Amino acid sequence: MNRYCFQLQVHRDHLDEYRARHAAVWPEMLDALAATGWRNYSLFLRDDGLLIGYFESESTLDDVLRGMAETEVNARWQADMAPFFVALDGSPDEGFTVLEQVFNLEDQLRQAGR
């Protein structure tokens, strides 16, 4: 299973609306994410607007992003969410910063035979 983590910055004056939109994501968007291989997907938002996303997939990052890009609902969602982000170059799913995983407890325990 591949693990992916990314970072974006939400405008501070949009935090409440951002939270509200993610409390009730469109059902067709949820279906598209599941159908394109996103698993255990979570978003974490700090009060200053720092947004960290995490998900797992059997597929590569390029493949899951390409799969979503091929859905009509993703184009609508990305256009709807773009104004929430600071210094975004492109749509949110094109403009996030991918973070490198440097530690995973289960991986190291398994490698150590524990």
N, C-alpha and C. Protein backbone atom coordinates (compact mmCIF):
# COMPACT_ATOMS: atom_id res chain seq x y z
N MET A 1 0.85 -1.18 0.00
CA MET A 1 0.00 0.00 0.00
C MET A 1 0.89 1.24 0.00
N ASN A 2 0.63 2.14 -0.90
CA ASN A 2 1.36 3.41 -0.96
C ASN A 2 0.69 4.43 -0.06
N ARG A 3 1.48 5.25 0.58
CA ARG A 3 0.98 6.31 1.45
C ARG A 3 1.36 7.65 0.84
N TYR A 4 0.41 8.59 0.84
CA TYR A 4 0.65 9.91 0.27
C TYR A 4 0.21 10.98 1.26
N CYS A 5 1.03 11.99 1.39
CA CYS A 5 0.73 13.12 2.25
C CYS A 5 1.00 14.40 1.46
N PHE A 6 0.12 15.38 1.63
CA PHE A 6 0.30 16.63 0.90
C PHE A 6 -0.10 17.82 1.75
N GLN A 7 0.35 18.99 1.31
CA GLN A 7 0.12 20.24 2.05
C GLN A 7 -0.44 21.30 1.12
N LEU A 8 -1.39 22.05 1.65
CA LEU A 8 -1.94 23.24 1.00
C LEU A 8 -2.16 24.30 2.08
N GLN A 9 -2.46 25.51 1.67
CA GLN A 9 -2.75 26.58 2.62
C GLN A 9 -4.11 27.16 2.30
N VAL A 10 -5.02 27.11 3.27
CA VAL A 10 -6.36 27.66 3.14
C VAL A 10 -6.34 29.09 3.65
N HIS A 11 -7.03 29.99 2.93
CA HIS A 11 -7.15 31.38 3.41
C HIS A 11 -7.80 31.36 4.79
N ARG A 12 -7.25 32.13 5.70
CA ARG A 12 -7.76 32.14 7.08
C ARG A 12 -9.22 32.57 7.15
N ASP A 13 -9.63 33.49 6.27
CA ASP A 13 -11.02 33.96 6.30
C ASP A 13 -11.99 32.97 5.64
N HIS A 14 -11.49 31.83 5.16
CA HIS A 14 -12.33 30.81 4.55
C HIS A 14 -12.39 29.51 5.37
N LEU A 15 -11.79 29.51 6.55
CA LEU A 15 -11.67 28.27 7.32
C LEU A 15 -13.02 27.66 7.68
N ASP A 16 -13.95 28.49 8.17
CA ASP A 16 -15.25 27.95 8.58
C ASP A 16 -15.99 27.34 7.39
N GLU A 17 -15.98 28.04 6.26
CA GLU A 17 -16.66 27.52 5.07
C GLU A 17 -15.96 26.26 4.55
N TYR A 18 -14.63 26.23 4.62
CA TYR A 18 -13.89 25.04 4.19
C TYR A 18 -14.30 23.84 5.04
N ARG A 19 -14.36 24.04 6.35
CA ARG A 19 -14.79 22.96 7.23
C ARG A 19 -16.22 22.50 6.90
N ALA A 20 -17.09 23.45 6.67
CA ALA A 20 -18.49 23.12 6.36
C ALA A 20 -18.59 22.32 5.07
N ARG A 21 -17.84 22.71 4.05
CA ARG A 21 -17.88 21.98 2.77
C ARG A 21 -17.40 20.54 2.94
N HIS A 22 -16.43 20.33 3.81
CA HIS A 22 -15.90 18.99 3.99
C HIS A 22 -16.68 18.16 5.01
N ALA A 23 -17.59 18.79 5.71
CA ALA A 23 -18.49 18.04 6.59
C ALA A 23 -19.57 17.33 5.78
N ALA A 24 -19.76 17.78 4.53
CA ALA A 24 -20.80 17.20 3.67
C ALA A 24 -20.32 17.19 2.22
N VAL A 25 -19.28 16.41 1.95
CA VAL A 25 -18.74 16.30 0.58
C VAL A 25 -19.81 15.67 -0.31
N TRP A 26 -19.88 16.15 -1.54
CA TRP A 26 -20.88 15.63 -2.49
C TRP A 26 -20.76 14.11 -2.59
N PRO A 27 -21.87 13.40 -2.54
CA PRO A 27 -21.82 11.94 -2.64
C PRO A 27 -21.11 11.44 -3.91
N GLU A 28 -21.30 12.12 -5.03
CA GLU A 28 -20.63 11.68 -6.26
C GLU A 28 -19.12 11.89 -6.20
N MET A 29 -18.67 12.86 -5.40
CA MET A 29 -17.24 13.06 -5.21
C MET A 29 -16.68 11.94 -4.34
N LEU A 30 -17.40 11.58 -3.29
CA LEU A 30 -16.98 10.46 -2.44
C LEU A 30 -16.88 9.18 -3.27
N ASP A 31 -17.87 8.94 -4.13
CA ASP A 31 -17.86 7.75 -4.98
C ASP A 31 -16.67 7.75 -5.93
N ALA A 32 -16.37 8.91 -6.51
CA ALA A 32 -15.24 9.01 -7.45
C ALA A 32 -13.92 8.74 -6.75
N LEU A 33 -13.74 9.28 -5.56
CA LEU A 33 -12.51 9.03 -4.81
C LEU A 33 -12.35 7.54 -4.53
N ALA A 34 -13.41 6.91 -4.06
CA ALA A 34 -13.35 5.48 -3.76
C ALA A 34 -13.08 4.67 -5.03
N ALA A 35 -13.73 5.03 -6.13
CA ALA A 35 -13.59 4.27 -7.38
C ALA A 35 -12.20 4.40 -7.99
N THR A 36 -11.50 5.50 -7.69
CA THR A 36 -10.17 5.71 -8.27
C THR A 36 -9.04 5.31 -7.32
N GLY A 37 -9.39 4.66 -6.21
CA GLY A 37 -8.37 4.04 -5.37
C GLY A 37 -7.91 4.80 -4.15
N TRP A 38 -8.59 5.87 -3.78
CA TRP A 38 -8.23 6.61 -2.57
C TRP A 38 -8.78 5.85 -1.37
N ARG A 39 -7.90 5.52 -0.41
CA ARG A 39 -8.31 4.81 0.80
C ARG A 39 -7.78 5.57 2.02
N ASN A 40 -8.52 5.47 3.11
CA ASN A 40 -8.08 6.07 4.37
C ASN A 40 -7.71 7.54 4.18
N TYR A 41 -8.49 8.25 3.39
CA TYR A 41 -8.22 9.66 3.05
C TYR A 41 -8.69 10.56 4.18
N SER A 42 -7.80 11.40 4.67
CA SER A 42 -8.11 12.34 5.75
C SER A 42 -7.50 13.69 5.44
N LEU A 43 -8.16 14.74 5.92
CA LEU A 43 -7.62 16.10 5.85
C LEU A 43 -7.53 16.64 7.27
N PHE A 44 -6.45 17.34 7.55
CA PHE A 44 -6.22 17.95 8.85
C PHE A 44 -5.99 19.44 8.63
N LEU A 45 -6.70 20.29 9.38
CA LEU A 45 -6.65 21.73 9.18
C LEU A 45 -6.26 22.43 10.47
N ARG A 46 -5.21 23.22 10.39
CA ARG A 46 -4.77 24.02 11.53
C ARG A 46 -5.46 25.38 11.49
N ASP A 47 -5.54 26.06 12.62
CA ASP A 47 -6.23 27.34 12.72
C ASP A 47 -5.61 28.44 11.85
N ASP A 48 -4.36 28.30 11.46
CA ASP A 48 -3.74 29.29 10.58
C ASP A 48 -3.94 28.96 9.10
N GLY A 49 -4.68 27.88 8.82
CA GLY A 49 -5.00 27.50 7.45
C GLY A 49 -4.12 26.41 6.86
N LEU A 50 -3.11 25.96 7.59
CA LEU A 50 -2.29 24.87 7.09
C LEU A 50 -3.16 23.62 6.95
N LEU A 51 -3.18 23.05 5.76
CA LEU A 51 -3.97 21.86 5.49
C LEU A 51 -3.03 20.72 5.12
N ILE A 52 -3.17 19.61 5.81
CA ILE A 52 -2.41 18.41 5.52
C ILE A 52 -3.40 17.32 5.12
N GLY A 53 -3.14 16.71 3.98
CA GLY A 53 -3.96 15.60 3.50
C GLY A 53 -3.16 14.32 3.52
N TYR A 54 -3.84 13.22 3.78
CA TYR A 54 -3.19 11.91 3.80
C TYR A 54 -4.14 10.90 3.19
N PHE A 55 -3.60 10.02 2.34
CA PHE A 55 -4.38 8.90 1.86
C PHE A 55 -3.46 7.76 1.47
N GLU A 56 -4.07 6.61 1.31
CA GLU A 56 -3.35 5.41 0.91
C GLU A 56 -3.97 4.90 -0.38
N SER A 57 -3.17 4.23 -1.19
CA SER A 57 -3.68 3.66 -2.43
C SER A 57 -2.77 2.53 -2.91
N GLU A 58 -3.35 1.57 -3.57
CA GLU A 58 -2.56 0.53 -4.23
C GLU A 58 -1.89 1.10 -5.48
N SER A 59 -2.43 2.20 -6.00
CA SER A 59 -1.94 2.82 -7.23
C SER A 59 -0.91 3.90 -6.94
N THR A 60 -0.24 4.33 -8.00
CA THR A 60 0.71 5.44 -7.88
C THR A 60 -0.06 6.74 -7.72
N LEU A 61 0.63 7.75 -7.24
CA LEU A 61 0.02 9.07 -7.11
C LEU A 61 -0.45 9.57 -8.47
N ASP A 62 0.38 9.43 -9.48
CA ASP A 62 -0.01 9.86 -10.83
C ASP A 62 -1.28 9.16 -11.29
N ASP A 63 -1.39 7.87 -11.01
CA ASP A 63 -2.57 7.11 -11.45
C ASP A 63 -3.84 7.57 -10.74
N VAL A 64 -3.78 7.80 -9.43
CA VAL A 64 -5.00 8.21 -8.72
C VAL A 64 -5.40 9.63 -9.12
N LEU A 65 -4.41 10.50 -9.32
CA LEU A 65 -4.72 11.86 -9.76
C LEU A 65 -5.29 11.85 -11.18
N ARG A 66 -4.71 11.04 -12.05
CA ARG A 66 -5.22 10.93 -13.42
C ARG A 66 -6.64 10.37 -13.41
N GLY A 67 -6.89 9.37 -12.59
CA GLY A 67 -8.24 8.80 -12.48
C GLY A 67 -9.25 9.85 -12.07
N MET A 68 -8.92 10.65 -11.09
CA MET A 68 -9.83 11.71 -10.66
C MET A 68 -9.99 12.78 -11.74
N ALA A 69 -8.91 13.11 -12.43
CA ALA A 69 -8.98 14.14 -13.48
C ALA A 69 -9.92 13.72 -14.60
N GLU A 70 -10.12 12.43 -14.77
CA GLU A 70 -11.00 11.93 -15.82
C GLU A 70 -12.48 11.95 -15.43
N THR A 71 -12.78 12.32 -14.19
CA THR A 71 -14.18 12.38 -13.76
C THR A 71 -14.71 13.80 -13.88
N GLU A 72 -15.97 13.90 -14.24
CA GLU A 72 -16.62 15.21 -14.38
C GLU A 72 -16.78 15.88 -13.01
N VAL A 73 -17.10 15.09 -11.99
CA VAL A 73 -17.33 15.66 -10.67
C VAL A 73 -16.06 16.29 -10.11
N ASN A 74 -14.90 15.73 -10.41
CA ASN A 74 -13.65 16.29 -9.90
C ASN A 74 -13.42 17.69 -10.47
N ALA A 75 -13.69 17.89 -11.75
CA ALA A 75 -13.52 19.21 -12.35
C ALA A 75 -14.40 20.24 -11.64
N ARG A 76 -15.65 19.87 -11.36
CA ARG A 76 -16.55 20.79 -10.64
C ARG A 76 -16.06 21.05 -9.23
N TRP A 77 -15.65 19.99 -8.51
CA TRP A 77 -15.19 20.14 -7.13
C TRP A 77 -13.94 21.01 -7.06
N GLN A 78 -12.96 20.75 -7.93
CA GLN A 78 -11.72 21.53 -7.92
C GLN A 78 -11.99 23.00 -8.22
N ALA A 79 -12.86 23.28 -9.17
CA ALA A 79 -13.20 24.67 -9.49
C ALA A 79 -13.91 25.34 -8.32
N ASP A 80 -14.76 24.60 -7.63
CA ASP A 80 -15.50 25.13 -6.49
C ASP A 80 -14.59 25.40 -5.30
N MET A 81 -13.57 24.57 -5.12
CA MET A 81 -12.68 24.68 -3.96
C MET A 81 -11.48 25.60 -4.19
N ALA A 82 -11.10 25.85 -5.42
CA ALA A 82 -9.89 26.64 -5.72
C ALA A 82 -9.82 27.97 -4.99
N PRO A 83 -10.92 28.74 -4.88
CA PRO A 83 -10.83 30.04 -4.20
C PRO A 83 -10.46 29.97 -2.72
N PHE A 84 -10.53 28.79 -2.13
CA PHE A 84 -10.22 28.65 -0.71
C PHE A 84 -8.72 28.68 -0.42
N PHE A 85 -7.88 28.50 -1.45
CA PHE A 85 -6.46 28.27 -1.23
C PHE A 85 -5.59 29.48 -1.55
N VAL A 86 -4.50 29.61 -0.78
CA VAL A 86 -3.51 30.66 -0.94
C VAL A 86 -2.48 30.23 -1.98
N ALA A 87 -2.09 31.15 -2.84
CA ALA A 87 -0.99 30.95 -3.79
C ALA A 87 -1.08 29.62 -4.53
N LEU A 88 -2.25 29.35 -5.06
CA LEU A 88 -2.47 28.10 -5.76
C LEU A 88 -2.13 28.27 -7.23
N ASP A 89 -1.29 27.40 -7.72
CA ASP A 89 -0.92 27.39 -9.13
C ASP A 89 -1.66 26.23 -9.79
N GLY A 90 -2.82 26.51 -10.40
CA GLY A 90 -3.65 25.45 -10.96
C GLY A 90 -4.75 25.09 -9.99
N SER A 91 -5.33 23.92 -10.19
CA SER A 91 -6.39 23.46 -9.30
C SER A 91 -5.78 22.88 -8.02
N PRO A 92 -6.58 22.75 -6.96
CA PRO A 92 -6.02 22.22 -5.71
C PRO A 92 -5.32 20.87 -5.87
N ASP A 93 -5.88 19.98 -6.70
CA ASP A 93 -5.25 18.67 -6.84
C ASP A 93 -4.01 18.69 -7.74
N GLU A 94 -3.71 19.84 -8.34
CA GLU A 94 -2.47 20.01 -9.11
C GLU A 94 -1.46 20.86 -8.36
N GLY A 95 -1.93 21.64 -7.39
CA GLY A 95 -1.07 22.62 -6.74
C GLY A 95 -0.58 22.27 -5.36
N PHE A 96 -0.88 21.07 -4.88
CA PHE A 96 -0.43 20.75 -3.53
C PHE A 96 1.03 20.31 -3.52
N THR A 97 1.65 20.46 -2.36
CA THR A 97 3.03 20.03 -2.15
C THR A 97 3.01 18.64 -1.55
N VAL A 98 3.63 17.69 -2.22
CA VAL A 98 3.72 16.32 -1.69
C VAL A 98 4.83 16.28 -0.64
N LEU A 99 4.54 15.66 0.49
CA LEU A 99 5.51 15.53 1.57
C LEU A 99 6.11 14.13 1.55
N GLU A 100 7.39 14.06 1.78
CA GLU A 100 8.10 12.78 1.80
C GLU A 100 7.87 12.07 3.13
N GLN A 101 7.53 10.81 3.07
CA GLN A 101 7.42 10.01 4.28
C GLN A 101 8.82 9.60 4.71
N VAL A 102 9.17 9.88 5.96
CA VAL A 102 10.50 9.54 6.45
C VAL A 102 10.46 8.50 7.58
N PHE A 103 9.27 8.16 8.07
CA PHE A 103 9.15 7.17 9.14
C PHE A 103 7.76 6.57 9.11
N ASN A 104 7.69 5.26 9.37
CA ASN A 104 6.43 4.57 9.59
C ASN A 104 6.69 3.47 10.60
N LEU A 105 5.99 3.52 11.70
CA LEU A 105 6.19 2.57 12.80
C LEU A 105 6.01 1.13 12.36
N GLU A 106 4.89 0.84 11.68
CA GLU A 106 4.62 -0.54 11.29
C GLU A 106 5.69 -1.08 10.34
N ASP A 107 6.14 -0.26 9.41
CA ASP A 107 7.19 -0.70 8.49
C ASP A 107 8.46 -1.07 9.24
N GLN A 108 8.86 -0.22 10.19
CA GLN A 108 10.10 -0.50 10.90
C GLN A 108 9.97 -1.68 11.85
N LEU A 109 8.80 -1.82 12.47
CA LEU A 109 8.58 -3.00 13.32
C LEU A 109 8.66 -4.28 12.48
N ARG A 110 8.04 -4.26 11.32
CA ARG A 110 8.06 -5.43 10.43
C ARG A 110 9.49 -5.73 9.98
N GLN A 111 10.25 -4.70 9.63
CA GLN A 111 11.65 -4.88 9.20
C GLN A 111 12.50 -5.45 10.33
N ALA A 112 12.15 -5.10 11.55
CA ALA A 112 12.91 -5.58 12.71
C ALA A 112 12.42 -6.96 13.19
N GLY A 113 11.40 -7.49 12.52
CA GLY A 113 10.89 -8.80 12.91
C GLY A 113 10.04 -8.77 14.15
N ARG A 114 9.45 -7.63 14.45
CA ARG A 114 8.62 -7.52 15.66
C ARG A 114 7.16 -7.47 15.31
